[in-house]
Amino acid sequence: MEMKVLCDIIAEVLNVDPKEISPNMTFTGDLGADSLDVYQIVLKLEDTFDIHLTNEKVTKVSTVEEAVALIKRERGN
């Protein structure tokens, strides 16, 4: 579930097809996100999953798969 929701959020913020997003893609390199895009994605994730993501945790994430793992950890899954 986390992967689909994350892909939908990424697609909305970056205006890309969610079906084209794969777990090993990087936010800045492969998806072309800048710091504002990443910030928007983080805010939407926090609202959607009712979690709080610190800057320290977010800066350690570079791929979609790492973001899914972070969401799962923060949700206690």
C-alpha atoms as a PDB file:
ATOM      1  CA  MET A   1       0.000   0.000   0.000  1.00  0.00           C
ATOM      2  CA  GLU A   2       2.759   2.464   0.905  1.00  0.00           C
ATOM      3  CA  MET A   3       4.397   2.054  -2.520  1.00  0.00           C
ATOM      4  CA  LYS A   4       1.200   2.822  -4.442  1.00  0.00           C
ATOM      5  CA  VAL A   5       0.373   5.849  -2.312  1.00  0.00           C
ATOM      6  CA  LEU A   6       3.945   7.140  -2.565  1.00  0.00           C
ATOM      7  CA  CYS A   7       3.939   6.704  -6.347  1.00  0.00           C
ATOM      8  CA  ASP A   8       0.630   8.568  -6.592  1.00  0.00           C
ATOM      9  CA  ILE A   9       2.036  11.439  -4.526  1.00  0.00           C
ATOM     10  CA  ILE A  10       5.260  11.551  -6.553  1.00  0.00           C
ATOM     11  CA  ALA A  11       3.249  11.522  -9.781  1.00  0.00           C
ATOM     12  CA  GLU A  12       1.077  14.383  -8.568  1.00  0.00           C
ATOM     13  CA  VAL A  13       3.979  16.562  -7.416  1.00  0.00           C
ATOM     14  CA  LEU A  14       6.338  15.819 -10.324  1.00  0.00           C
ATOM     15  CA  ASN A  15       3.691  15.433 -13.031  1.00  0.00           C
ATOM     16  CA  VAL A  16       4.862  11.962 -14.082  1.00  0.00           C
ATOM     17  CA  ASP A  17       3.015   8.708 -14.761  1.00  0.00           C
ATOM     18  CA  PRO A  18       2.874   6.682 -11.518  1.00  0.00           C
ATOM     19  CA  LYS A  19       3.272   3.470 -13.538  1.00  0.00           C
ATOM     20  CA  GLU A  20       6.699   4.670 -14.688  1.00  0.00           C
ATOM     21  CA  ILE A  21       8.037   4.964 -11.124  1.00  0.00           C
ATOM     22  CA  SER A  22      10.134   2.033  -9.939  1.00  0.00           C
ATOM     23  CA  PRO A  23      11.515   1.286  -6.453  1.00  0.00           C
ATOM     24  CA  ASN A  24      15.149   1.839  -7.421  1.00  0.00           C
ATOM     25  CA  MET A  25      14.598   5.310  -8.911  1.00  0.00           C
ATOM     26  CA  THR A  26      16.209   8.252  -7.156  1.00  0.00           C
ATOM     27  CA  PHE A  27      14.187  11.353  -6.409  1.00  0.00           C
ATOM     28  CA  THR A  28      16.669  13.909  -7.673  1.00  0.00           C
ATOM     29  CA  GLY A  29      18.507  11.970 -10.374  1.00  0.00           C
ATOM     30  CA  ASP A  30      15.925   9.739 -12.018  1.00  0.00           C
ATOM     31  CA  LEU A  31      12.741  11.644 -11.193  1.00  0.00           C
ATOM     32  CA  GLY A  32      14.186  15.156 -11.471  1.00  0.00           C
ATOM     33  CA  ALA A  33      12.877  16.401  -8.127  1.00  0.00           C
ATOM     34  CA  ASP A  34      14.362  19.556  -6.638  1.00  0.00           C
ATOM     35  CA  SER A  35      14.367  20.452  -2.950  1.00  0.00           C
ATOM     36  CA  LEU A  36      10.921  22.103  -3.144  1.00  0.00           C
ATOM     37  CA  ASP A  37       9.472  19.009  -4.830  1.00  0.00           C
ATOM     38  CA  VAL A  38      10.919  16.777  -2.113  1.00  0.00           C
ATOM     39  CA  TYR A  39       9.486  19.094   0.552  1.00  0.00           C
ATOM     40  CA  GLN A  40       6.026  18.878  -1.051  1.00  0.00           C
ATOM     41  CA  ILE A  41       6.258  15.092  -1.232  1.00  0.00           C
ATOM     42  CA  VAL A  42       7.273  14.906   2.441  1.00  0.00           C
ATOM     43  CA  LEU A  43       4.364  17.132   3.508  1.00  0.00           C
ATOM     44  CA  LYS A  44       1.876  15.011   1.578  1.00  0.00           C
ATOM     45  CA  LEU A  45       3.334  11.812   3.050  1.00  0.00           C
ATOM     46  CA  GLU A  46       3.077  13.208   6.574  1.00  0.00           C
ATOM     47  CA  ASP A  47      -0.567  14.186   6.013  1.00  0.00           C
ATOM     48  CA  THR A  48      -1.514  10.945   4.281  1.00  0.00           C
ATOM     49  CA  PHE A  49       0.124   8.558   6.737  1.00  0.00           C
ATOM     50  CA  ASP A  50      -0.192  10.744   9.861  1.00  0.00           C
ATOM     51  CA  ILE A  51       3.551  10.561  10.542  1.00  0.00           C
ATOM     52  CA  HIS A  52       6.329  13.085  11.187  1.00  0.00           C
ATOM     53  CA  LEU A  53       9.474  12.882   9.062  1.00  0.00           C
ATOM     54  CA  THR A  54      12.473  14.809  10.366  1.00  0.00           C
ATOM     55  CA  ASN A  55      14.973  16.447   8.044  1.00  0.00           C
ATOM     56  CA  GLU A  56      17.623  14.066   9.352  1.00  0.00           C
ATOM     57  CA  LYS A  57      15.589  11.040   8.264  1.00  0.00           C
ATOM     58  CA  VAL A  58      14.523  12.538   4.940  1.00  0.00           C
ATOM     59  CA  THR A  59      18.059  13.471   3.898  1.00  0.00           C
ATOM     60  CA  LYS A  60      19.128   9.826   4.265  1.00  0.00           C
ATOM     61  CA  VAL A  61      16.543   8.748   1.675  1.00  0.00           C
ATOM     62  CA  SER A  62      17.509   8.834  -1.986  1.00  0.00           C
ATOM     63  CA  THR A  63      15.368   6.151  -3.657  1.00  0.00           C
ATOM     64  CA  VAL A  64      11.668   5.415  -3.792  1.00  0.00           C
ATOM     65  CA  GLU A  65      12.304   2.065  -2.096  1.00  0.00           C
ATOM     66  CA  GLU A  66      14.128   3.776   0.792  1.00  0.00           C
ATOM     67  CA  ALA A  67      11.183   6.157   1.174  1.00  0.00           C
ATOM     68  CA  VAL A  68       8.761   3.227   1.395  1.00  0.00           C
ATOM     69  CA  ALA A  69      10.951   1.626   4.075  1.00  0.00           C
ATOM     70  CA  LEU A  70      11.015   4.908   6.026  1.00  0.00           C
ATOM     71  CA  ILE A  71       7.229   5.229   5.846  1.00  0.00           C
ATOM     72  CA  LYS A  72       6.814   1.664   7.092  1.00  0.00           C
ATOM     73  CA  ARG A  73       9.228   2.281   9.984  1.00  0.00           C
ATOM     74  CA  GLU A  74       7.471   5.481  10.984  1.00  0.00           C
ATOM     75  CA  ARG A  75       4.088   3.764  10.862  1.00  0.00           C
ATOM     76  CA  GLY A  76       5.389   0.917  12.980  1.00  0.00           C
ATOM     77  CA  ASN A  77       4.960  -1.738  10.268  1.00  0.00           C
END
